[in-house]
Amino acid sequence: PPAMHRREAAIAAALPATVPTPRFLWSYDDGDWVALAFEDVDGRHPQLPWLEDELQRVLDAIADLIASLTPSPIEVPSVGQRLHRLFQGWRRLQRAAAEGQGLGDLPDWAHRHLAQLAELESGWEEAAEGLTLIHCDLRADNILLTSEKALFVDWPHASLGAGWVDLVEILPSV
């Protein structure tokens, strides 16, 4: 979608040179089509399933990324603003149950703990607040490993938040 590519162009152009990402070269936008050009990197995605040494390299690189992007060098929406609608699942289920709607194939354990799960979920935005520019879409296919380092690509979802959010987001791909 053009809006996402425009957002990525703006963020990529504003990232400091110290951020481990391929350098943004230019963009083209004629109102309908958007193209972005980045430096060519001789790298590859981490092997799946992950190899222990590659995972350690990436985790170390994420720690460095968090340190180098705190405080955020650019202005972006908070992770709470960007993901607010996505993280409402347990509370939606709790409302549906209160209204007498069926909850489908929800496991018995989740039925019994629905109030606790909804309560935990309700605090995620406050817990995720922070001053770090986070990638907010870290997964194996957004990481390139070179012989020397790990680079993070695809930044249109960059947000302001707690650095640990990027660590949590990478877990499903690990």
N, C-alpha and C. Protein backbone atom coordinates (compact mmCIF):
# COMPACT_ATOMS: atom_id res chain seq x y z
N PRO A 1 0.83 -1.20 0.00
CA PRO A 1 0.00 0.00 0.00
C PRO A 1 0.87 1.25 0.00
N PRO A 2 0.54 2.22 -0.84
CA PRO A 2 1.37 3.42 -0.95
C PRO A 2 1.59 4.16 0.37
N ALA A 3 0.58 4.23 1.23
CA ALA A 3 0.76 4.95 2.50
C ALA A 3 1.85 4.31 3.35
N MET A 4 1.89 2.99 3.37
CA MET A 4 2.91 2.29 4.14
C MET A 4 4.30 2.56 3.55
N HIS A 5 4.42 2.58 2.23
CA HIS A 5 5.71 2.83 1.60
C HIS A 5 6.16 4.28 1.81
N ARG A 6 5.21 5.20 1.80
CA ARG A 6 5.55 6.60 2.09
C ARG A 6 6.06 6.73 3.53
N ARG A 7 5.39 6.04 4.43
CA ARG A 7 5.81 6.07 5.83
C ARG A 7 7.21 5.49 5.97
N GLU A 8 7.47 4.35 5.30
CA GLU A 8 8.80 3.76 5.38
C GLU A 8 9.85 4.69 4.80
N ALA A 9 9.55 5.37 3.70
CA ALA A 9 10.51 6.30 3.11
C ALA A 9 10.84 7.42 4.09
N ALA A 10 9.84 7.96 4.75
CA ALA A 10 10.07 9.04 5.70
C ALA A 10 10.91 8.56 6.89
N ILE A 11 10.59 7.39 7.41
CA ILE A 11 11.34 6.86 8.55
C ILE A 11 12.76 6.50 8.14
N ALA A 12 12.91 5.78 7.02
CA ALA A 12 14.24 5.36 6.57
C ALA A 12 15.15 6.56 6.32
N ALA A 13 14.60 7.63 5.76
CA ALA A 13 15.39 8.82 5.49
C ALA A 13 15.84 9.52 6.78
N ALA A 14 15.09 9.34 7.85
CA ALA A 14 15.39 10.02 9.11
C ALA A 14 16.23 9.19 10.07
N LEU A 15 16.40 7.90 9.80
CA LEU A 15 17.19 7.06 10.71
C LEU A 15 18.64 7.51 10.73
N PRO A 16 19.23 7.61 11.92
CA PRO A 16 20.65 7.97 12.00
C PRO A 16 21.53 6.92 11.31
N ALA A 17 22.67 7.35 10.83
CA ALA A 17 23.60 6.45 10.14
C ALA A 17 24.10 5.33 11.04
N THR A 18 23.98 5.49 12.36
CA THR A 18 24.44 4.46 13.29
C THR A 18 23.49 3.27 13.40
N VAL A 19 22.28 3.41 12.88
CA VAL A 19 21.30 2.32 12.96
C VAL A 19 21.72 1.21 11.99
N PRO A 20 21.78 -0.03 12.48
CA PRO A 20 22.18 -1.14 11.61
C PRO A 20 21.06 -1.51 10.64
N THR A 21 21.02 -0.81 9.53
CA THR A 21 20.03 -1.02 8.49
C THR A 21 20.67 -0.64 7.17
N PRO A 22 20.25 -1.25 6.06
CA PRO A 22 20.77 -0.79 4.78
C PRO A 22 20.45 0.70 4.59
N ARG A 23 21.39 1.45 4.04
CA ARG A 23 21.20 2.89 3.85
C ARG A 23 20.11 3.16 2.83
N PHE A 24 19.24 4.08 3.19
CA PHE A 24 18.19 4.54 2.29
C PHE A 24 18.83 5.43 1.23
N LEU A 25 18.55 5.17 -0.05
CA LEU A 25 19.16 5.94 -1.12
C LEU A 25 18.22 6.99 -1.69
N TRP A 26 17.00 6.59 -2.06
CA TRP A 26 16.04 7.52 -2.62
C TRP A 26 14.67 6.87 -2.69
N SER A 27 13.67 7.71 -2.98
CA SER A 27 12.33 7.18 -3.22
C SER A 27 11.71 7.91 -4.41
N TYR A 28 10.74 7.28 -5.00
CA TYR A 28 9.97 7.84 -6.10
C TYR A 28 8.51 7.73 -5.72
N ASP A 29 7.77 8.81 -5.89
CA ASP A 29 6.35 8.82 -5.54
C ASP A 29 5.62 9.71 -6.54
N ASP A 30 4.81 9.08 -7.42
CA ASP A 30 4.06 9.87 -8.40
C ASP A 30 2.60 10.06 -7.99
N GLY A 31 2.29 9.73 -6.74
CA GLY A 31 0.93 9.85 -6.25
C GLY A 31 0.19 8.52 -6.26
N ASP A 32 0.54 7.64 -7.20
CA ASP A 32 -0.05 6.30 -7.25
C ASP A 32 0.98 5.23 -6.90
N TRP A 33 2.15 5.35 -7.49
CA TRP A 33 3.22 4.38 -7.29
C TRP A 33 4.29 4.96 -6.38
N VAL A 34 4.79 4.10 -5.50
CA VAL A 34 5.87 4.50 -4.61
C VAL A 34 6.96 3.44 -4.72
N ALA A 35 8.18 3.87 -4.93
CA ALA A 35 9.32 2.96 -4.98
C ALA A 35 10.40 3.48 -4.03
N LEU A 36 11.04 2.57 -3.34
CA LEU A 36 12.12 2.91 -2.42
C LEU A 36 13.37 2.17 -2.84
N ALA A 37 14.52 2.82 -2.73
CA ALA A 37 15.79 2.19 -3.06
C ALA A 37 16.71 2.25 -1.84
N PHE A 38 17.29 1.10 -1.55
CA PHE A 38 18.23 0.97 -0.43
C PHE A 38 19.54 0.40 -0.98
N GLU A 39 20.60 0.59 -0.21
CA GLU A 39 21.87 0.00 -0.62
C GLU A 39 21.74 -1.52 -0.70
N ASP A 40 22.48 -2.13 -1.60
CA ASP A 40 22.51 -3.57 -1.76
C ASP A 40 23.38 -4.15 -0.64
N VAL A 41 22.85 -5.15 0.04
CA VAL A 41 23.58 -5.76 1.15
C VAL A 41 23.78 -7.24 0.84
N ASP A 42 25.01 -7.71 0.98
CA ASP A 42 25.30 -9.12 0.80
C ASP A 42 25.00 -9.82 2.12
N GLY A 43 23.76 -10.20 2.29
CA GLY A 43 23.33 -10.83 3.54
C GLY A 43 22.22 -11.83 3.27
N ARG A 44 21.81 -12.49 4.34
CA ARG A 44 20.74 -13.49 4.25
C ARG A 44 19.93 -13.45 5.53
N HIS A 45 18.73 -14.00 5.46
CA HIS A 45 17.90 -14.10 6.65
C HIS A 45 18.46 -15.18 7.57
N PRO A 46 18.17 -15.10 8.86
CA PRO A 46 18.60 -16.17 9.76
C PRO A 46 18.02 -17.51 9.31
N GLN A 47 18.78 -18.55 9.55
CA GLN A 47 18.32 -19.89 9.19
C GLN A 47 17.17 -20.30 10.10
N LEU A 48 16.18 -20.95 9.52
CA LEU A 48 15.05 -21.48 10.29
C LEU A 48 15.07 -23.00 10.21
N PRO A 49 14.96 -23.73 11.29
CA PRO A 49 14.92 -23.18 12.64
C PRO A 49 16.23 -22.46 12.97
N TRP A 50 16.10 -21.52 13.89
CA TRP A 50 17.22 -20.66 14.24
C TRP A 50 18.41 -21.49 14.74
N LEU A 51 19.59 -21.04 14.36
CA LEU A 51 20.83 -21.59 14.91
C LEU A 51 21.20 -20.76 16.14
N GLU A 52 21.72 -21.41 17.15
CA GLU A 52 21.99 -20.72 18.41
C GLU A 52 22.92 -19.52 18.23
N ASP A 53 23.98 -19.67 17.43
CA ASP A 53 24.92 -18.56 17.27
C ASP A 53 24.29 -17.40 16.51
N GLU A 54 23.42 -17.68 15.54
CA GLU A 54 22.74 -16.61 14.82
C GLU A 54 21.75 -15.89 15.73
N LEU A 55 21.03 -16.65 16.53
CA LEU A 55 20.09 -16.04 17.47
C LEU A 55 20.83 -15.13 18.44
N GLN A 56 21.98 -15.58 18.95
CA GLN A 56 22.74 -14.74 19.88
C GLN A 56 23.22 -13.47 19.20
N ARG A 57 23.68 -13.56 17.96
CA ARG A 57 24.09 -12.37 17.21
C ARG A 57 22.94 -11.39 17.08
N VAL A 58 21.76 -11.91 16.76
CA VAL A 58 20.59 -11.04 16.58
C VAL A 58 20.17 -10.42 17.91
N LEU A 59 20.15 -11.21 18.98
CA LEU A 59 19.77 -10.68 20.29
C LEU A 59 20.75 -9.60 20.74
N ASP A 60 22.04 -9.81 20.51
CA ASP A 60 23.03 -8.79 20.84
C ASP A 60 22.81 -7.53 20.01
N ALA A 61 22.49 -7.72 18.73
CA ALA A 61 22.25 -6.58 17.85
C ALA A 61 20.99 -5.81 18.27
N ILE A 62 19.97 -6.53 18.72
CA ILE A 62 18.75 -5.86 19.20
C ILE A 62 19.06 -5.04 20.45
N ALA A 63 19.87 -5.59 21.35
CA ALA A 63 20.26 -4.84 22.55
C ALA A 63 21.00 -3.56 22.16
N ASP A 64 21.90 -3.66 21.19
CA ASP A 64 22.62 -2.48 20.70
C ASP A 64 21.66 -1.50 20.04
N LEU A 65 20.70 -2.03 19.27
CA LEU A 65 19.72 -1.19 18.59
C LEU A 65 18.91 -0.39 19.60
N ILE A 66 18.44 -1.07 20.64
CA ILE A 66 17.65 -0.41 21.69
C ILE A 66 18.48 0.69 22.35
N ALA A 67 19.72 0.38 22.67
CA ALA A 67 20.57 1.39 23.32
C ALA A 67 20.82 2.59 22.41
N SER A 68 21.01 2.33 21.13
CA SER A 68 21.33 3.44 20.22
C SER A 68 20.11 4.27 19.84
N LEU A 69 18.91 3.73 20.05
CA LEU A 69 17.69 4.46 19.67
C LEU A 69 16.90 4.95 20.88
N THR A 70 17.58 5.04 22.02
CA THR A 70 16.97 5.58 23.23
C THR A 70 17.78 6.81 23.65
N PRO A 71 17.20 7.98 23.64
CA PRO A 71 15.83 8.30 23.25
C PRO A 71 15.68 8.28 21.73
N SER A 72 14.46 8.18 21.28
CA SER A 72 14.18 8.12 19.84
C SER A 72 14.71 9.37 19.14
N PRO A 73 15.44 9.17 18.04
CA PRO A 73 15.96 10.32 17.30
C PRO A 73 14.92 10.95 16.36
N ILE A 74 13.78 10.29 16.19
CA ILE A 74 12.74 10.83 15.31
C ILE A 74 11.39 10.74 16.00
N GLU A 75 10.46 11.53 15.51
CA GLU A 75 9.12 11.55 16.08
C GLU A 75 8.23 10.55 15.33
N VAL A 76 7.66 9.62 16.07
CA VAL A 76 6.76 8.61 15.52
C VAL A 76 5.65 8.38 16.54
N PRO A 77 4.52 7.79 16.11
CA PRO A 77 3.46 7.48 17.08
C PRO A 77 3.93 6.44 18.09
N SER A 78 3.28 6.41 19.23
CA SER A 78 3.63 5.41 20.24
C SER A 78 3.12 4.04 19.81
N VAL A 79 3.73 3.01 20.36
CA VAL A 79 3.29 1.64 20.06
C VAL A 79 1.84 1.45 20.52
N GLY A 80 1.45 2.09 21.60
CA GLY A 80 0.07 2.01 22.06
C GLY A 80 -0.91 2.60 21.05
N GLN A 81 -0.54 3.72 20.45
CA GLN A 81 -1.40 4.32 19.41
C GLN A 81 -1.47 3.43 18.18
N ARG A 82 -0.33 2.89 17.78
CA ARG A 82 -0.28 2.09 16.54
C ARG A 82 -1.00 0.75 16.70
N LEU A 83 -0.89 0.12 17.84
CA LEU A 83 -1.39 -1.25 18.00
C LEU A 83 -2.62 -1.36 18.90
N HIS A 84 -3.17 -0.24 19.29
CA HIS A 84 -4.30 -0.24 20.24
C HIS A 84 -5.41 -1.21 19.82
N ARG A 85 -5.86 -1.11 18.59
CA ARG A 85 -6.98 -1.94 18.15
C ARG A 85 -6.63 -3.42 18.07
N LEU A 86 -5.37 -3.73 17.83
CA LEU A 86 -4.97 -5.13 17.70
C LEU A 86 -4.97 -5.88 19.03
N PHE A 87 -4.67 -5.20 20.11
CA PHE A 87 -4.52 -5.86 21.40
C PHE A 87 -5.75 -5.64 22.29
N GLN A 88 -6.88 -6.12 21.80
CA GLN A 88 -8.14 -6.02 22.51
C GLN A 88 -8.83 -7.38 22.62
N GLY A 89 -8.17 -8.44 22.18
CA GLY A 89 -8.80 -9.75 22.04
C GLY A 89 -9.45 -10.31 23.29
N TRP A 90 -8.72 -10.35 24.40
CA TRP A 90 -9.28 -10.91 25.63
C TRP A 90 -10.43 -10.05 26.13
N ARG A 91 -10.31 -8.74 26.00
CA ARG A 91 -11.38 -7.85 26.45
C ARG A 91 -12.61 -7.98 25.56
N ARG A 92 -12.41 -8.18 24.26
CA ARG A 92 -13.55 -8.41 23.37
C ARG A 92 -14.26 -9.71 23.74
N LEU A 93 -13.49 -10.74 24.02
CA LEU A 93 -14.08 -12.02 24.43
C LEU A 93 -14.83 -11.88 25.75
N GLN A 94 -14.26 -11.12 26.67
CA GLN A 94 -14.92 -10.91 27.96
C GLN A 94 -16.25 -10.18 27.77
N ARG A 95 -16.28 -9.17 26.92
CA ARG A 95 -17.53 -8.46 26.63
C ARG A 95 -18.55 -9.39 25.96
N ALA A 96 -18.08 -10.19 25.03
CA ALA A 96 -18.98 -11.13 24.34
C ALA A 96 -19.58 -12.12 25.34
N ALA A 97 -18.75 -12.62 26.25
CA ALA A 97 -19.25 -13.57 27.26
C ALA A 97 -20.28 -12.88 28.16
N ALA A 98 -20.02 -11.63 28.53
CA ALA A 98 -20.95 -10.88 29.38
C ALA A 98 -22.28 -10.64 28.68
N GLU A 99 -22.23 -10.56 27.35
CA GLU A 99 -23.45 -10.36 26.57
C GLU A 99 -24.12 -11.68 26.19
N GLY A 100 -23.58 -12.79 26.69
CA GLY A 100 -24.18 -14.10 26.44
C GLY A 100 -23.84 -14.70 25.09
N GLN A 101 -22.87 -14.13 24.39
CA GLN A 101 -22.47 -14.67 23.10
C GLN A 101 -21.56 -15.88 23.31
N GLY A 102 -21.61 -16.81 22.40
CA GLY A 102 -20.72 -17.97 22.46
C GLY A 102 -19.29 -17.57 22.17
N LEU A 103 -18.37 -18.29 22.72
CA LEU A 103 -16.96 -17.97 22.53
C LEU A 103 -16.26 -19.00 21.65
N GLY A 104 -17.03 -19.76 20.91
CA GLY A 104 -16.45 -20.69 19.94
C GLY A 104 -15.60 -21.75 20.59
N ASP A 105 -14.42 -21.95 20.03
CA ASP A 105 -13.52 -23.02 20.47
C ASP A 105 -12.53 -22.56 21.54
N LEU A 106 -12.89 -21.55 22.29
CA LEU A 106 -11.99 -21.07 23.33
C LEU A 106 -11.74 -22.19 24.32
N PRO A 107 -10.49 -22.52 24.57
CA PRO A 107 -10.18 -23.62 25.51
C PRO A 107 -10.76 -23.36 26.90
N ASP A 108 -11.04 -24.43 27.60
CA ASP A 108 -11.63 -24.36 28.94
C ASP A 108 -10.76 -23.51 29.88
N TRP A 109 -9.44 -23.67 29.80
CA TRP A 109 -8.54 -22.90 30.66
C TRP A 109 -8.76 -21.40 30.44
N ALA A 110 -8.88 -20.99 29.17
CA ALA A 110 -9.08 -19.57 28.86
C ALA A 110 -10.44 -19.09 29.36
N HIS A 111 -11.48 -19.94 29.25
CA HIS A 111 -12.80 -19.58 29.81
C HIS A 111 -12.68 -19.29 31.30
N ARG A 112 -11.99 -20.16 32.02
CA ARG A 112 -11.87 -20.01 33.47
C ARG A 112 -11.05 -18.79 33.87
N HIS A 113 -10.13 -18.38 33.03
CA HIS A 113 -9.22 -17.28 33.37
C HIS A 113 -9.47 -16.02 32.53
N LEU A 114 -10.62 -15.93 31.91
CA LEU A 114 -10.90 -14.83 31.00
C LEU A 114 -10.79 -13.47 31.68
N ALA A 115 -11.30 -13.33 32.87
CA ALA A 115 -11.23 -12.04 33.57
C ALA A 115 -9.77 -11.66 33.84
N GLN A 116 -8.96 -12.62 34.26
CA GLN A 116 -7.55 -12.34 34.54
C GLN A 116 -6.80 -11.98 33.25
N LEU A 117 -7.10 -12.69 32.17
CA LEU A 117 -6.45 -12.41 30.90
C LEU A 117 -6.82 -11.02 30.39
N ALA A 118 -8.10 -10.66 30.51
CA ALA A 118 -8.55 -9.33 30.08
C ALA A 118 -7.88 -8.25 30.94
N GLU A 119 -7.75 -8.49 32.22
CA GLU A 119 -7.09 -7.53 33.11
C GLU A 119 -5.62 -7.36 32.74
N LEU A 120 -4.93 -8.46 32.49
CA LEU A 120 -3.52 -8.37 32.08
C LEU A 120 -3.38 -7.61 30.78
N GLU A 121 -4.26 -7.92 29.83
CA GLU A 121 -4.21 -7.26 28.54
C GLU A 121 -4.47 -5.75 28.66
N SER A 122 -5.31 -5.36 29.59
CA SER A 122 -5.68 -3.95 29.70
C SER A 122 -4.49 -3.07 30.08
N GLY A 123 -3.43 -3.63 30.60
CA GLY A 123 -2.28 -2.84 31.01
C GLY A 123 -1.13 -2.82 30.02
N TRP A 124 -1.32 -3.44 28.86
CA TRP A 124 -0.18 -3.56 27.94
C TRP A 124 0.29 -2.20 27.41
N GLU A 125 -0.63 -1.28 27.13
CA GLU A 125 -0.21 0.00 26.56
C GLU A 125 0.67 0.77 27.54
N GLU A 126 0.28 0.79 28.79
CA GLU A 126 1.09 1.48 29.80
C GLU A 126 2.44 0.79 29.97
N ALA A 127 2.43 -0.54 29.99
CA ALA A 127 3.68 -1.28 30.15
C ALA A 127 4.62 -1.08 28.96
N ALA A 128 4.08 -0.87 27.77
CA ALA A 128 4.89 -0.73 26.56
C ALA A 128 5.36 0.70 26.31
N GLU A 129 4.97 1.65 27.17
CA GLU A 129 5.42 3.03 27.00
C GLU A 129 6.93 3.11 27.18
N GLY A 130 7.54 3.97 26.43
CA GLY A 130 8.97 4.17 26.56
C GLY A 130 9.46 5.25 25.63
N LEU A 131 10.76 5.47 25.64
CA LEU A 131 11.37 6.54 24.86
C LEU A 131 12.19 6.03 23.69
N THR A 132 12.11 4.73 23.43
CA THR A 132 12.93 4.10 22.41
C THR A 132 12.21 4.06 21.07
N LEU A 133 12.95 4.29 19.99
CA LEU A 133 12.42 4.04 18.66
C LEU A 133 12.52 2.54 18.44
N ILE A 134 11.37 1.89 18.39
CA ILE A 134 11.36 0.44 18.20
C ILE A 134 10.96 0.11 16.77
N HIS A 135 11.47 -0.97 16.27
CA HIS A 135 11.18 -1.42 14.91
C HIS A 135 9.71 -1.78 14.78
N CYS A 136 9.20 -2.49 15.75
CA CYS A 136 7.79 -2.85 15.88
C CYS A 136 7.30 -3.84 14.84
N ASP A 137 8.23 -4.58 14.23
CA ASP A 137 7.86 -5.66 13.31
C ASP A 137 9.04 -6.61 13.15
N LEU A 138 9.74 -6.86 14.25
CA LEU A 138 10.93 -7.71 14.15
C LEU A 138 10.53 -9.17 14.03
N ARG A 139 11.07 -9.79 13.01
CA ARG A 139 10.91 -11.22 12.78
C ARG A 139 12.03 -11.61 11.83
N ALA A 140 12.24 -12.89 11.63
CA ALA A 140 13.39 -13.37 10.88
C ALA A 140 13.48 -12.76 9.48
N ASP A 141 12.35 -12.57 8.80
CA ASP A 141 12.43 -12.05 7.43
C ASP A 141 12.66 -10.55 7.38
N ASN A 142 12.77 -9.88 8.51
CA ASN A 142 13.14 -8.46 8.55
C ASN A 142 14.55 -8.27 9.10
N ILE A 143 15.33 -9.34 9.05
CA ILE A 143 16.71 -9.31 9.55
C ILE A 143 17.61 -9.87 8.46
N LEU A 144 18.71 -9.19 8.20
CA LEU A 144 19.74 -9.70 7.30
C LEU A 144 21.01 -9.91 8.10
N LEU A 145 21.60 -11.08 7.94
CA LEU A 145 22.88 -11.37 8.57
C LEU A 145 23.97 -11.26 7.51
N THR A 146 24.96 -10.44 7.80
CA THR A 146 26.15 -10.38 6.95
C THR A 146 27.25 -11.14 7.68
N SER A 147 28.41 -11.17 7.10
CA SER A 147 29.52 -11.86 7.78
C SER A 147 29.93 -11.12 9.04
N GLU A 148 29.55 -9.84 9.17
CA GLU A 148 30.00 -9.03 10.30
C GLU A 148 28.92 -8.62 11.28
N LYS A 149 27.66 -8.51 10.81
CA LYS A 149 26.65 -7.94 11.69
C LYS A 149 25.25 -8.37 11.28
N ALA A 150 24.30 -7.95 12.10
CA ALA A 150 22.88 -8.13 11.80
C ALA A 150 22.31 -6.77 11.43
N LEU A 151 21.53 -6.74 10.35
CA LEU A 151 20.89 -5.51 9.89
C LEU A 151 19.38 -5.70 9.97
N PHE A 152 18.68 -4.63 10.31
CA PHE A 152 17.23 -4.67 10.45
C PHE A 152 16.61 -3.89 9.29
N VAL A 153 15.70 -4.53 8.58
CA VAL A 153 15.07 -3.93 7.40
C VAL A 153 13.58 -3.78 7.63
N ASP A 154 12.94 -3.00 6.75
CA ASP A 154 11.48 -2.87 6.73
C ASP A 154 10.98 -2.12 7.96
N TRP A 155 11.10 -0.79 7.95
CA TRP A 155 10.82 0.06 9.10
C TRP A 155 9.50 0.83 9.06
N PRO A 156 8.48 0.49 8.28
CA PRO A 156 7.30 1.35 8.22
C PRO A 156 6.47 1.38 9.50
N HIS A 157 6.68 0.40 10.37
CA HIS A 157 5.89 0.32 11.59
C HIS A 157 6.62 0.88 12.81
N ALA A 158 7.76 1.51 12.60
CA ALA A 158 8.55 2.04 13.72
C ALA A 158 7.66 2.88 14.63
N SER A 159 7.86 2.70 15.93
CA SER A 159 7.02 3.35 16.94
C SER A 159 7.86 3.74 18.13
N LEU A 160 7.30 4.56 18.98
CA LEU A 160 7.93 4.94 20.23
C LEU A 160 7.43 3.99 21.32
N GLY A 161 8.34 3.40 22.05
CA GLY A 161 7.91 2.48 23.11
C GLY A 161 9.08 1.96 23.92
N ALA A 162 8.80 0.94 24.70
CA ALA A 162 9.82 0.29 25.52
C ALA A 162 10.62 -0.66 24.62
N GLY A 163 11.92 -0.66 24.80
CA GLY A 163 12.78 -1.49 23.96
C GLY A 163 12.45 -2.97 24.01
N TRP A 164 11.95 -3.45 25.15
CA TRP A 164 11.65 -4.88 25.26
C TRP A 164 10.57 -5.33 24.29
N VAL A 165 9.78 -4.39 23.74
CA VAL A 165 8.72 -4.76 22.80
C VAL A 165 9.32 -5.46 21.59
N ASP A 166 10.44 -4.96 21.07
CA ASP A 166 11.08 -5.62 19.93
C ASP A 166 11.55 -7.02 20.29
N LEU A 167 12.03 -7.22 21.49
CA LEU A 167 12.44 -8.56 21.91
C LEU A 167 11.24 -9.52 21.96
N VAL A 168 10.12 -9.05 22.46
CA VAL A 168 8.92 -9.88 22.53
C VAL A 168 8.41 -10.19 21.11
N GLU A 169 8.47 -9.20 20.24
CA GLU A 169 7.94 -9.39 18.88
C GLU A 169 8.72 -10.41 18.07
N ILE A 170 9.98 -10.59 18.38
CA ILE A 170 10.78 -11.55 17.60
C ILE A 170 10.52 -13.00 18.05
N LEU A 171 9.97 -13.16 19.23
CA LEU A 171 9.79 -14.52 19.77
C LEU A 171 9.01 -15.48 18.86
N PRO A 172 7.89 -15.07 18.24
CA PRO A 172 7.18 -16.04 17.39
C PRO A 172 8.03 -16.58 16.23
N SER A 173 8.98 -15.79 15.72
CA SER A 173 9.80 -16.31 14.62
C SER A 173 10.93 -17.19 15.12
N VAL A 174 11.19 -17.14 16.43
CA VAL A 174 12.24 -17.98 17.00
C VAL A 174 11.65 -19.33 17.37
